[in-house]
Amino acid sequence: FHQPYHDAITALLDARAAAGQESILVCVHS
């Protein structure tokens, strides 16, 4: 449960970086 979640964030940010896409991380909580 924990590792797959963080792996998914890493993979998404890696893909955006490889594409030269800007990323601003927004963590949403209540």
mmCIF file of all heavy atoms, coordinates in Angstrom:
data_MODEL
# 
_entry.id   MODEL 
# 
loop_
_atom_site.group_PDB 
_atom_site.id 
_atom_site.type_symbol 
_atom_site.label_atom_id 
_atom_site.label_alt_id 
_atom_site.label_comp_id 
_atom_site.label_asym_id 
_atom_site.label_entity_id 
_atom_site.label_seq_id 
_atom_site.pdbx_PDB_ins_code 
_atom_site.Cartn_x 
_atom_site.Cartn_y 
_atom_site.Cartn_z 
_atom_site.occupancy 
_atom_site.B_iso_or_equiv 
_atom_site.pdbx_formal_charge 
_atom_site.auth_seq_id 
_atom_site.auth_comp_id 
_atom_site.auth_asym_id 
_atom_site.auth_atom_id 
_atom_site.pdbx_PDB_model_num 
ATOM 1   N N   . PHE A 1 1  ? 0.792   -1.221 0.000   1.00 0.00 ? 1  PHE A N   1 
ATOM 2   C CA  . PHE A 1 1  ? 0.000   0.000  0.000   1.00 0.00 ? 1  PHE A CA  1 
ATOM 3   C C   . PHE A 1 1  ? 0.836   1.290  0.000   1.00 0.00 ? 1  PHE A C   1 
ATOM 4   O O   . PHE A 1 1  ? 0.540   2.208  -0.769  1.00 0.00 ? 1  PHE A O   1 
ATOM 5   C CB  . PHE A 1 1  ? -0.937  0.012  1.226   1.00 0.00 ? 1  PHE A CB  1 
ATOM 6   C CG  . PHE A 1 1  ? -1.773  -1.218 1.344   1.00 0.00 ? 1  PHE A CG  1 
ATOM 7   C CD1 . PHE A 1 1  ? -1.627  -2.067 2.435   1.00 0.00 ? 1  PHE A CD1 1 
ATOM 8   C CD2 . PHE A 1 1  ? -2.700  -1.554 0.376   1.00 0.00 ? 1  PHE A CD2 1 
ATOM 9   C CE1 . PHE A 1 1  ? -2.394  -3.214 2.559   1.00 0.00 ? 1  PHE A CE1 1 
ATOM 10  C CE2 . PHE A 1 1  ? -3.471  -2.702 0.477   1.00 0.00 ? 1  PHE A CE2 1 
ATOM 11  C CZ  . PHE A 1 1  ? -3.315  -3.541 1.577   1.00 0.00 ? 1  PHE A CZ  1 
ATOM 12  N N   . HIS A 1 2  ? 1.854   1.358  0.816   1.00 0.00 ? 2  HIS A N   1 
ATOM 13  C CA  . HIS A 1 2  ? 2.652   2.582  0.954   1.00 0.00 ? 2  HIS A CA  1 
ATOM 14  C C   . HIS A 1 2  ? 3.583   2.773  -0.240  1.00 0.00 ? 2  HIS A C   1 
ATOM 15  O O   . HIS A 1 2  ? 3.577   3.826  -0.893  1.00 0.00 ? 2  HIS A O   1 
ATOM 16  C CB  . HIS A 1 2  ? 3.449   2.499  2.262   1.00 0.00 ? 2  HIS A CB  1 
ATOM 17  C CG  . HIS A 1 2  ? 4.088   3.776  2.716   1.00 0.00 ? 2  HIS A CG  1 
ATOM 18  N ND1 . HIS A 1 2  ? 5.246   4.277  2.149   1.00 0.00 ? 2  HIS A ND1 1 
ATOM 19  C CD2 . HIS A 1 2  ? 3.750   4.648  3.709   1.00 0.00 ? 2  HIS A CD2 1 
ATOM 20  C CE1 . HIS A 1 2  ? 5.587   5.388  2.767   1.00 0.00 ? 2  HIS A CE1 1 
ATOM 21  N NE2 . HIS A 1 2  ? 4.702   5.650  3.724   1.00 0.00 ? 2  HIS A NE2 1 
ATOM 22  N N   . GLN A 1 3  ? 4.371   1.769  -0.552  1.00 0.00 ? 3  GLN A N   1 
ATOM 23  C CA  . GLN A 1 3  ? 5.351   1.892  -1.631  1.00 0.00 ? 3  GLN A CA  1 
ATOM 24  C C   . GLN A 1 3  ? 4.706   2.117  -2.994  1.00 0.00 ? 3  GLN A C   1 
ATOM 25  O O   . GLN A 1 3  ? 5.169   2.981  -3.760  1.00 0.00 ? 3  GLN A O   1 
ATOM 26  C CB  . GLN A 1 3  ? 6.245   0.647  -1.670  1.00 0.00 ? 3  GLN A CB  1 
ATOM 27  C CG  . GLN A 1 3  ? 7.471   0.807  -2.564  1.00 0.00 ? 3  GLN A CG  1 
ATOM 28  C CD  . GLN A 1 3  ? 8.436   1.876  -2.060  1.00 0.00 ? 3  GLN A CD  1 
ATOM 29  O OE1 . GLN A 1 3  ? 8.736   1.913  -0.861  1.00 0.00 ? 3  GLN A OE1 1 
ATOM 30  N NE2 . GLN A 1 3  ? 8.896   2.739  -2.942  1.00 0.00 ? 3  GLN A NE2 1 
ATOM 31  N N   . PRO A 1 4  ? 3.625   1.388  -3.353  1.00 0.00 ? 4  PRO A N   1 
ATOM 32  C CA  . PRO A 1 4  ? 3.010   1.644  -4.665  1.00 0.00 ? 4  PRO A CA  1 
ATOM 33  C C   . PRO A 1 4  ? 2.505   3.073  -4.829  1.00 0.00 ? 4  PRO A C   1 
ATOM 34  O O   . PRO A 1 4  ? 2.567   3.629  -5.929  1.00 0.00 ? 4  PRO A O   1 
ATOM 35  C CB  . PRO A 1 4  ? 1.859   0.633  -4.713  1.00 0.00 ? 4  PRO A CB  1 
ATOM 36  C CG  . PRO A 1 4  ? 2.286   -0.466 -3.802  1.00 0.00 ? 4  PRO A CG  1 
ATOM 37  C CD  . PRO A 1 4  ? 3.024   0.217  -2.693  1.00 0.00 ? 4  PRO A CD  1 
ATOM 38  N N   . TYR A 1 5  ? 2.009   3.654  -3.747  1.00 0.00 ? 5  TYR A N   1 
ATOM 39  C CA  . TYR A 1 5  ? 1.529   5.031  -3.818  1.00 0.00 ? 5  TYR A CA  1 
ATOM 40  C C   . TYR A 1 5  ? 2.670   5.980  -4.153  1.00 0.00 ? 5  TYR A C   1 
ATOM 41  O O   . TYR A 1 5  ? 2.578   6.795  -5.087  1.00 0.00 ? 5  TYR A O   1 
ATOM 42  C CB  . TYR A 1 5  ? 0.879   5.407  -2.484  1.00 0.00 ? 5  TYR A CB  1 
ATOM 43  C CG  . TYR A 1 5  ? 0.431   6.844  -2.397  1.00 0.00 ? 5  TYR A CG  1 
ATOM 44  C CD1 . TYR A 1 5  ? -0.620  7.309  -3.180  1.00 0.00 ? 5  TYR A CD1 1 
ATOM 45  C CD2 . TYR A 1 5  ? 1.050   7.737  -1.534  1.00 0.00 ? 5  TYR A CD2 1 
ATOM 46  C CE1 . TYR A 1 5  ? -1.042  8.631  -3.102  1.00 0.00 ? 5  TYR A CE1 1 
ATOM 47  C CE2 . TYR A 1 5  ? 0.632   9.052  -1.440  1.00 0.00 ? 5  TYR A CE2 1 
ATOM 48  C CZ  . TYR A 1 5  ? -0.406  9.495  -2.230  1.00 0.00 ? 5  TYR A CZ  1 
ATOM 49  O OH  . TYR A 1 5  ? -0.822  10.809 -2.155  1.00 0.00 ? 5  TYR A OH  1 
ATOM 50  N N   . HIS A 1 6  ? 3.757   5.862  -3.442  1.00 0.00 ? 6  HIS A N   1 
ATOM 51  C CA  . HIS A 1 6  ? 4.887   6.762  -3.691  1.00 0.00 ? 6  HIS A CA  1 
ATOM 52  C C   . HIS A 1 6  ? 5.573   6.437  -5.017  1.00 0.00 ? 6  HIS A C   1 
ATOM 53  O O   . HIS A 1 6  ? 6.071   7.347  -5.694  1.00 0.00 ? 6  HIS A O   1 
ATOM 54  C CB  . HIS A 1 6  ? 5.849   6.735  -2.509  1.00 0.00 ? 6  HIS A CB  1 
ATOM 55  C CG  . HIS A 1 6  ? 5.291   7.432  -1.314  1.00 0.00 ? 6  HIS A CG  1 
ATOM 56  N ND1 . HIS A 1 6  ? 5.255   8.806  -1.211  1.00 0.00 ? 6  HIS A ND1 1 
ATOM 57  C CD2 . HIS A 1 6  ? 4.674   6.947  -0.208  1.00 0.00 ? 6  HIS A CD2 1 
ATOM 58  C CE1 . HIS A 1 6  ? 4.664   9.146  -0.085  1.00 0.00 ? 6  HIS A CE1 1 
ATOM 59  N NE2 . HIS A 1 6  ? 4.301   8.040  0.548   1.00 0.00 ? 6  HIS A NE2 1 
ATOM 60  N N   . ASP A 1 7  ? 5.581   5.179  -5.401  1.00 0.00 ? 7  ASP A N   1 
ATOM 61  C CA  . ASP A 1 7  ? 6.125   4.826  -6.716  1.00 0.00 ? 7  ASP A CA  1 
ATOM 62  C C   . ASP A 1 7  ? 5.318   5.484  -7.836  1.00 0.00 ? 7  ASP A C   1 
ATOM 63  O O   . ASP A 1 7  ? 5.889   5.923  -8.843  1.00 0.00 ? 7  ASP A O   1 
ATOM 64  C CB  . ASP A 1 7  ? 6.120   3.309  -6.914  1.00 0.00 ? 7  ASP A CB  1 
ATOM 65  C CG  . ASP A 1 7  ? 7.207   2.595  -6.122  1.00 0.00 ? 7  ASP A CG  1 
ATOM 66  O OD1 . ASP A 1 7  ? 8.100   3.277  -5.575  1.00 0.00 ? 7  ASP A OD1 1 
ATOM 67  O OD2 . ASP A 1 7  ? 7.148   1.347  -6.043  1.00 0.00 ? 7  ASP A OD2 1 
ATOM 68  N N   . ALA A 1 8  ? 4.004   5.555  -7.662  1.00 0.00 ? 8  ALA A N   1 
ATOM 69  C CA  . ALA A 1 8  ? 3.152   6.173  -8.687  1.00 0.00 ? 8  ALA A CA  1 
ATOM 70  C C   . ALA A 1 8  ? 3.429   7.666  -8.806  1.00 0.00 ? 8  ALA A C   1 
ATOM 71  O O   . ALA A 1 8  ? 3.457   8.217  -9.914  1.00 0.00 ? 8  ALA A O   1 
ATOM 72  C CB  . ALA A 1 8  ? 1.673   5.922  -8.365  1.00 0.00 ? 8  ALA A CB  1 
ATOM 73  N N   . ILE A 1 9  ? 3.626   8.331  -7.670  1.00 0.00 ? 9  ILE A N   1 
ATOM 74  C CA  . ILE A 1 9  ? 3.968   9.762  -7.709  1.00 0.00 ? 9  ILE A CA  1 
ATOM 75  C C   . ILE A 1 9  ? 5.317   9.950  -8.397  1.00 0.00 ? 9  ILE A C   1 
ATOM 76  O O   . ILE A 1 9  ? 5.484   10.823 -9.257  1.00 0.00 ? 9  ILE A O   1 
ATOM 77  C CB  . ILE A 1 9  ? 3.990   10.358 -6.298  1.00 0.00 ? 9  ILE A CB  1 
ATOM 78  C CG1 . ILE A 1 9  ? 2.618   10.241 -5.633  1.00 0.00 ? 9  ILE A CG1 1 
ATOM 79  C CG2 . ILE A 1 9  ? 4.418   11.836 -6.354  1.00 0.00 ? 9  ILE A CG2 1 
ATOM 80  C CD1 . ILE A 1 9  ? 2.608   10.653 -4.158  1.00 0.00 ? 9  ILE A CD1 1 
ATOM 81  N N   . THR A 1 10 ? 6.282   9.123  -8.022  1.00 0.00 ? 10 THR A N   1 
ATOM 82  C CA  . THR A 1 10 ? 7.616   9.210  -8.631  1.00 0.00 ? 10 THR A CA  1 
ATOM 83  C C   . THR A 1 10 ? 7.548   9.001  -10.137 1.00 0.00 ? 10 THR A C   1 
ATOM 84  O O   . THR A 1 10 ? 8.164   9.758  -10.910 1.00 0.00 ? 10 THR A O   1 
ATOM 85  C CB  . THR A 1 10 ? 8.555   8.168  -7.999  1.00 0.00 ? 10 THR A CB  1 
ATOM 86  O OG1 . THR A 1 10 ? 8.736   8.491  -6.611  1.00 0.00 ? 10 THR A OG1 1 
ATOM 87  C CG2 . THR A 1 10 ? 9.909   8.151  -8.689  1.00 0.00 ? 10 THR A CG2 1 
ATOM 88  N N   . ALA A 1 11 ? 6.805   7.999  -10.563 1.00 0.00 ? 11 ALA A N   1 
ATOM 89  C CA  . ALA A 1 11 ? 6.711   7.698  -11.996 1.00 0.00 ? 11 ALA A CA  1 
ATOM 90  C C   . ALA A 1 11 ? 6.071   8.848  -12.763 1.00 0.00 ? 11 ALA A C   1 
ATOM 91  O O   . ALA A 1 11 ? 6.524   9.212  -13.864 1.00 0.00 ? 11 ALA A O   1 
ATOM 92  C CB  . ALA A 1 11 ? 5.918   6.409  -12.205 1.00 0.00 ? 11 ALA A CB  1 
ATOM 93  N N   . LEU A 1 12 ? 5.034   9.431  -12.195 1.00 0.00 ? 12 LEU A N   1 
ATOM 94  C CA  . LEU A 1 12 ? 4.360   10.549 -12.858 1.00 0.00 ? 12 LEU A CA  1 
ATOM 95  C C   . LEU A 1 12 ? 5.293   11.752 -12.971 1.00 0.00 ? 12 LEU A C   1 
ATOM 96  O O   . LEU A 1 12 ? 5.424   12.361 -14.044 1.00 0.00 ? 12 LEU A O   1 
ATOM 97  C CB  . LEU A 1 12 ? 3.102   10.927 -12.086 1.00 0.00 ? 12 LEU A CB  1 
ATOM 98  C CG  . LEU A 1 12 ? 2.331   12.149 -12.601 1.00 0.00 ? 12 LEU A CG  1 
ATOM 99  C CD1 . LEU A 1 12 ? 1.819   11.920 -14.020 1.00 0.00 ? 12 LEU A CD1 1 
ATOM 100 C CD2 . LEU A 1 12 ? 1.176   12.484 -11.662 1.00 0.00 ? 12 LEU A CD2 1 
ATOM 101 N N   . LEU A 1 13 ? 5.978   12.096 -11.894 1.00 0.00 ? 13 LEU A N   1 
ATOM 102 C CA  . LEU A 1 13 ? 6.879   13.241 -11.916 1.00 0.00 ? 13 LEU A CA  1 
ATOM 103 C C   . LEU A 1 13 ? 8.089   12.979 -12.816 1.00 0.00 ? 13 LEU A C   1 
ATOM 104 O O   . LEU A 1 13 ? 8.566   13.892 -13.501 1.00 0.00 ? 13 LEU A O   1 
ATOM 105 C CB  . LEU A 1 13 ? 7.322   13.591 -10.507 1.00 0.00 ? 13 LEU A CB  1 
ATOM 106 C CG  . LEU A 1 13 ? 6.219   14.155 -9.592  1.00 0.00 ? 13 LEU A CG  1 
ATOM 107 C CD1 . LEU A 1 13 ? 6.724   14.287 -8.161  1.00 0.00 ? 13 LEU A CD1 1 
ATOM 108 C CD2 . LEU A 1 13 ? 5.703   15.494 -10.105 1.00 0.00 ? 13 LEU A CD2 1 
ATOM 109 N N   . ASP A 1 14 ? 8.574   11.739 -12.837 1.00 0.00 ? 14 ASP A N   1 
ATOM 110 C CA  . ASP A 1 14 ? 9.672   11.384 -13.745 1.00 0.00 ? 14 ASP A CA  1 
ATOM 111 C C   . ASP A 1 14 ? 9.258   11.588 -15.200 1.00 0.00 ? 14 ASP A C   1 
ATOM 112 O O   . ASP A 1 14 ? 10.028  12.125 -16.014 1.00 0.00 ? 14 ASP A O   1 
ATOM 113 C CB  . ASP A 1 14 ? 10.087  9.926  -13.543 1.00 0.00 ? 14 ASP A CB  1 
ATOM 114 C CG  . ASP A 1 14 ? 10.956  9.711  -12.316 1.00 0.00 ? 14 ASP A CG  1 
ATOM 115 O OD1 . ASP A 1 14 ? 11.410  10.706 -11.717 1.00 0.00 ? 14 ASP A OD1 1 
ATOM 116 O OD2 . ASP A 1 14 ? 11.180  8.536  -11.966 1.00 0.00 ? 14 ASP A OD2 1 
ATOM 117 N N   . ALA A 1 15 ? 8.054   11.129 -15.532 1.00 0.00 ? 15 ALA A N   1 
ATOM 118 C CA  . ALA A 1 15 ? 7.576   11.248 -16.911 1.00 0.00 ? 15 ALA A CA  1 
ATOM 119 C C   . ALA A 1 15 ? 7.415   12.703 -17.320 1.00 0.00 ? 15 ALA A C   1 
ATOM 120 O O   . ALA A 1 15 ? 7.767   13.095 -18.439 1.00 0.00 ? 15 ALA A O   1 
ATOM 121 C CB  . ALA A 1 15 ? 6.249   10.497 -17.065 1.00 0.00 ? 15 ALA A CB  1 
ATOM 122 N N   . ARG A 1 16 ? 6.905   13.520 -16.410 1.00 0.00 ? 16 ARG A N   1 
ATOM 123 C CA  . ARG A 1 16 ? 6.748   14.935 -16.716 1.00 0.00 ? 16 ARG A CA  1 
ATOM 124 C C   . ARG A 1 16 ? 8.105   15.612 -16.876 1.00 0.00 ? 16 ARG A C   1 
ATOM 125 O O   . ARG A 1 16 ? 8.288   16.446 -17.772 1.00 0.00 ? 16 ARG A O   1 
ATOM 126 C CB  . ARG A 1 16 ? 5.916   15.607 -15.617 1.00 0.00 ? 16 ARG A CB  1 
ATOM 127 C CG  . ARG A 1 16 ? 4.452   15.181 -15.627 1.00 0.00 ? 16 ARG A CG  1 
ATOM 128 C CD  . ARG A 1 16 ? 3.710   15.669 -14.387 1.00 0.00 ? 16 ARG A CD  1 
ATOM 129 N NE  . ARG A 1 16 ? 3.644   17.115 -14.326 1.00 0.00 ? 16 ARG A NE  1 
ATOM 130 C CZ  . ARG A 1 16 ? 2.653   17.859 -14.843 1.00 0.00 ? 16 ARG A CZ  1 
ATOM 131 N NH1 . ARG A 1 16 ? 1.650   17.266 -15.492 1.00 0.00 ? 16 ARG A NH1 1 
ATOM 132 N NH2 . ARG A 1 16 ? 2.658   19.168 -14.728 1.00 0.00 ? 16 ARG A NH2 1 
ATOM 133 N N   . ALA A 1 17 ? 9.055   15.267 -16.022 1.00 0.00 ? 17 ALA A N   1 
ATOM 134 C CA  . ALA A 1 17 ? 10.394  15.851 -16.134 1.00 0.00 ? 17 ALA A CA  1 
ATOM 135 C C   . ALA A 1 17 ? 11.051  15.458 -17.450 1.00 0.00 ? 17 ALA A C   1 
ATOM 136 O O   . ALA A 1 17 ? 11.688  16.286 -18.118 1.00 0.00 ? 17 ALA A O   1 
ATOM 137 C CB  . ALA A 1 17 ? 11.256  15.405 -14.953 1.00 0.00 ? 17 ALA A CB  1 
ATOM 138 N N   . ALA A 1 18 ? 10.872  14.201 -17.847 1.00 0.00 ? 18 ALA A N   1 
ATOM 139 C CA  . ALA A 1 18 ? 11.469  13.731 -19.099 1.00 0.00 ? 18 ALA A CA  1 
ATOM 140 C C   . ALA A 1 18 ? 10.870  14.450 -20.297 1.00 0.00 ? 18 ALA A C   1 
ATOM 141 O O   . ALA A 1 18 ? 11.549  14.638 -21.324 1.00 0.00 ? 18 ALA A O   1 
ATOM 142 C CB  . ALA A 1 18 ? 11.267  12.224 -19.234 1.00 0.00 ? 18 ALA A CB  1 
ATOM 143 N N   . ALA A 1 19 ? 9.602   14.860 -20.165 1.00 0.00 ? 19 ALA A N   1 
ATOM 144 C CA  . ALA A 1 19 ? 8.924   15.575 -21.248 1.00 0.00 ? 19 ALA A CA  1 
ATOM 145 C C   . ALA A 1 19 ? 9.156   17.082 -21.179 1.00 0.00 ? 19 ALA A C   1 
ATOM 146 O O   . ALA A 1 19 ? 8.613   17.836 -21.996 1.00 0.00 ? 19 ALA A O   1 
ATOM 147 C CB  . ALA A 1 19 ? 7.428   15.279 -21.205 1.00 0.00 ? 19 ALA A CB  1 
ATOM 148 N N   . GLY A 1 20 ? 9.945   17.530 -20.200 1.00 0.00 ? 20 GLY A N   1 
ATOM 149 C CA  . GLY A 1 20 ? 10.210  18.960 -20.046 1.00 0.00 ? 20 GLY A CA  1 
ATOM 150 C C   . GLY A 1 20 ? 9.019   19.725 -19.525 1.00 0.00 ? 20 GLY A C   1 
ATOM 151 O O   . GLY A 1 20 ? 8.907   20.937 -19.745 1.00 0.00 ? 20 GLY A O   1 
ATOM 152 N N   . GLN A 1 21 ? 8.138   19.041 -18.785 1.00 0.00 ? 21 GLN A N   1 
ATOM 153 C CA  . GLN A 1 21 ? 6.903   19.657 -18.307 1.00 0.00 ? 21 GLN A CA  1 
ATOM 154 C C   . GLN A 1 21 ? 7.092   20.165 -16.874 1.00 0.00 ? 21 GLN A C   1 
ATOM 155 O O   . GLN A 1 21 ? 7.614   19.455 -16.008 1.00 0.00 ? 21 GLN A O   1 
ATOM 156 C CB  . GLN A 1 21 ? 5.765   18.626 -18.345 1.00 0.00 ? 21 GLN A CB  1 
ATOM 157 C CG  . GLN A 1 21 ? 4.380   19.198 -18.168 1.00 0.00 ? 21 GLN A CG  1 
ATOM 158 C CD  . GLN A 1 21 ? 3.294   18.168 -18.481 1.00 0.00 ? 21 GLN A CD  1 
ATOM 159 O OE1 . GLN A 1 21 ? 3.596   17.012 -18.775 1.00 0.00 ? 21 GLN A OE1 1 
ATOM 160 N NE2 . GLN A 1 21 ? 2.051   18.582 -18.440 1.00 0.00 ? 21 GLN A NE2 1 
ATOM 161 N N   . GLU A 1 22 ? 6.687   21.390 -16.628 1.00 0.00 ? 22 GLU A N   1 
ATOM 162 C CA  . GLU A 1 22 ? 6.758   21.969 -15.285 1.00 0.00 ? 22 GLU A CA  1 
ATOM 163 C C   . GLU A 1 22 ? 5.842   21.207 -14.329 1.00 0.00 ? 22 GLU A C   1 
ATOM 164 O O   . GLU A 1 22 ? 4.731   20.814 -14.699 1.00 0.00 ? 22 GLU A O   1 
ATOM 165 C CB  . GLU A 1 22 ? 6.326   23.439 -15.341 1.00 0.00 ? 22 GLU A CB  1 
ATOM 166 C CG  . GLU A 1 22 ? 6.292   24.132 -13.994 1.00 0.00 ? 22 GLU A CG  1 
ATOM 167 C CD  . GLU A 1 22 ? 5.671   25.519 -14.066 1.00 0.00 ? 22 GLU A CD  1 
ATOM 168 O OE1 . GLU A 1 22 ? 5.195   25.920 -15.155 1.00 0.00 ? 22 GLU A OE1 1 
ATOM 169 O OE2 . GLU A 1 22 ? 5.663   26.200 -13.022 1.00 0.00 ? 22 GLU A OE2 1 
ATOM 170 N N   . SER A 1 23 ? 6.277   21.036 -13.081 1.00 0.00 ? 23 SER A N   1 
ATOM 171 C CA  . SER A 1 23 ? 5.455   20.387 -12.066 1.00 0.00 ? 23 SER A CA  1 
ATOM 172 C C   . SER A 1 23 ? 5.515   21.178 -10.764 1.00 0.00 ? 23 SER A C   1 
ATOM 173 O O   . SER A 1 23 ? 6.597   21.469 -10.255 1.00 0.00 ? 23 SER A O   1 
ATOM 174 C CB  . SER A 1 23 ? 5.923   18.952 -11.801 1.00 0.00 ? 23 SER A CB  1 
ATOM 175 O OG  . SER A 1 23 ? 5.670   18.113 -12.915 1.00 0.00 ? 23 SER A OG  1 
ATOM 176 N N   . ILE A 1 24 ? 4.347   21.514 -10.250 1.00 0.00 ? 24 ILE A N   1 
ATOM 177 C CA  . ILE A 1 24 ? 4.185   22.111 -8.925  1.00 0.00 ? 24 ILE A CA  1 
ATOM 178 C C   . ILE A 1 24 ? 3.343   21.124 -8.119  1.00 0.00 ? 24 ILE A C   1 
ATOM 179 O O   . ILE A 1 24 ? 2.209   20.820 -8.496  1.00 0.00 ? 24 ILE A O   1 
ATOM 180 C CB  . ILE A 1 24 ? 3.490   23.481 -8.983  1.00 0.00 ? 24 ILE A CB  1 
ATOM 181 C CG1 . ILE A 1 24 ? 4.314   24.463 -9.819  1.00 0.00 ? 24 ILE A CG1 1 
ATOM 182 C CG2 . ILE A 1 24 ? 3.238   24.030 -7.582  1.00 0.00 ? 24 ILE A CG2 1 
ATOM 183 C CD1 . ILE A 1 24 ? 3.604   25.786 -10.093 1.00 0.00 ? 24 ILE A CD1 1 
ATOM 184 N N   . LEU A 1 25 ? 3.898   20.611 -7.041  1.00 0.00 ? 25 LEU A N   1 
ATOM 185 C CA  . LEU A 1 25 ? 3.221   19.578 -6.263  1.00 0.00 ? 25 LEU A CA  1 
ATOM 186 C C   . LEU A 1 25 ? 2.234   20.205 -5.283  1.00 0.00 ? 25 LEU A C   1 
ATOM 187 O O   . LEU A 1 25 ? 2.602   21.090 -4.506  1.00 0.00 ? 25 LEU A O   1 
ATOM 188 C CB  . LEU A 1 25 ? 4.245   18.739 -5.508  1.00 0.00 ? 25 LEU A CB  1 
ATOM 189 C CG  . LEU A 1 25 ? 3.697   17.525 -4.755  1.00 0.00 ? 25 LEU A CG  1 
ATOM 190 C CD1 . LEU A 1 25 ? 3.263   16.448 -5.738  1.00 0.00 ? 25 LEU A CD1 1 
ATOM 191 C CD2 . LEU A 1 25 ? 4.745   16.978 -3.785  1.00 0.00 ? 25 LEU A CD2 1 
ATOM 192 N N   . VAL A 1 26 ? 0.988   19.721 -5.314  1.00 0.00 ? 26 VAL A N   1 
ATOM 193 C CA  . VAL A 1 26 ? -0.060  20.229 -4.431  1.00 0.00 ? 26 VAL A CA  1 
ATOM 194 C C   . VAL A 1 26 ? -0.660  19.043 -3.677  1.00 0.00 ? 26 VAL A C   1 
ATOM 195 O O   . VAL A 1 26 ? -1.323  18.192 -4.275  1.00 0.00 ? 26 VAL A O   1 
ATOM 196 C CB  . VAL A 1 26 ? -1.162  20.971 -5.224  1.00 0.00 ? 26 VAL A CB  1 
ATOM 197 C CG1 . VAL A 1 26 ? -2.236  21.487 -4.275  1.00 0.00 ? 26 VAL A CG1 1 
ATOM 198 C CG2 . VAL A 1 26 ? -0.555  22.116 -6.039  1.00 0.00 ? 26 VAL A CG2 1 
ATOM 199 N N   . CYS A 1 27 ? -0.418  18.994 -2.373  1.00 0.00 ? 27 CYS A N   1 
ATOM 200 C CA  . CYS A 1 27 ? -0.919  17.914 -1.517  1.00 0.00 ? 27 CYS A CA  1 
ATOM 201 C C   . CYS A 1 27 ? -2.220  18.385 -0.871  1.00 0.00 ? 27 CYS A C   1 
ATOM 202 O O   . CYS A 1 27 ? -2.219  19.388 -0.151  1.00 0.00 ? 27 CYS A O   1 
ATOM 203 C CB  . CYS A 1 27 ? 0.099   17.558 -0.448  1.00 0.00 ? 27 CYS A CB  1 
ATOM 204 S SG  . CYS A 1 27 ? 1.754   17.191 -1.081  1.00 0.00 ? 27 CYS A SG  1 
ATOM 205 N N   . VAL A 1 28 ? -3.315  17.672 -1.123  1.00 0.00 ? 28 VAL A N   1 
ATOM 206 C CA  . VAL A 1 28 ? -4.639  18.110 -0.677  1.00 0.00 ? 28 VAL A CA  1 
ATOM 207 C C   . VAL A 1 28 ? -5.110  17.259 0.497   1.00 0.00 ? 28 VAL A C   1 
ATOM 208 O O   . VAL A 1 28 ? -5.202  16.032 0.392   1.00 0.00 ? 28 VAL A O   1 
ATOM 209 C CB  . VAL A 1 28 ? -5.665  18.043 -1.825  1.00 0.00 ? 28 VAL A CB  1 
ATOM 210 C CG1 . VAL A 1 28 ? -7.015  18.580 -1.352  1.00 0.00 ? 28 VAL A CG1 1 
ATOM 211 C CG2 . VAL A 1 28 ? -5.168  18.828 -3.046  1.00 0.00 ? 28 VAL A CG2 1 
ATOM 212 N N   . HIS A 1 29 ? -5.416  17.925 1.612   1.00 0.00 ? 29 HIS A N   1 
ATOM 213 C CA  . HIS A 1 29 ? -5.874  17.265 2.831   1.00 0.00 ? 29 HIS A CA  1 
ATOM 214 C C   . HIS A 1 29 ? -7.084  18.009 3.395   1.00 0.00 ? 29 HIS A C   1 
ATOM 215 O O   . HIS A 1 29 ? -7.389  19.127 2.974   1.00 0.00 ? 29 HIS A O   1 
ATOM 216 C CB  . HIS A 1 29 ? -4.767  17.270 3.887   1.00 0.00 ? 29 HIS A CB  1 
ATOM 217 C CG  . HIS A 1 29 ? -3.605  16.407 3.558   1.00 0.00 ? 29 HIS A CG  1 
ATOM 218 N ND1 . HIS A 1 29 ? -3.393  15.192 4.150   1.00 0.00 ? 29 HIS A ND1 1 
ATOM 219 C CD2 . HIS A 1 29 ? -2.564  16.588 2.703   1.00 0.00 ? 29 HIS A CD2 1 
ATOM 220 C CE1 . HIS A 1 29 ? -2.288  14.644 3.679   1.00 0.00 ? 29 HIS A CE1 1 
ATOM 221 N NE2 . HIS A 1 29 ? -1.759  15.478 2.790   1.00 0.00 ? 29 HIS A NE2 1 
ATOM 222 N N   . SER A 1 30 ? -7.726  17.380 4.386   1.00 0.00 ? 30 SER A N   1 
ATOM 223 C CA  . SER A 1 30 ? -8.731  18.084 5.180   1.00 0.00 ? 30 SER A CA  1 
ATOM 224 C C   . SER A 1 30 ? -8.483  17.769 6.652   1.00 0.00 ? 30 SER A C   1 
ATOM 225 O O   . SER A 1 30 ? -7.785  16.807 6.985   1.00 0.00 ? 30 SER A O   1 
ATOM 226 C CB  . SER A 1 30 ? -10.154 17.688 4.773   1.00 0.00 ? 30 SER A CB  1 
ATOM 227 O OG  . SER A 1 30 ? -10.473 16.367 5.195   1.00 0.00 ? 30 SER A OG  1 
# 
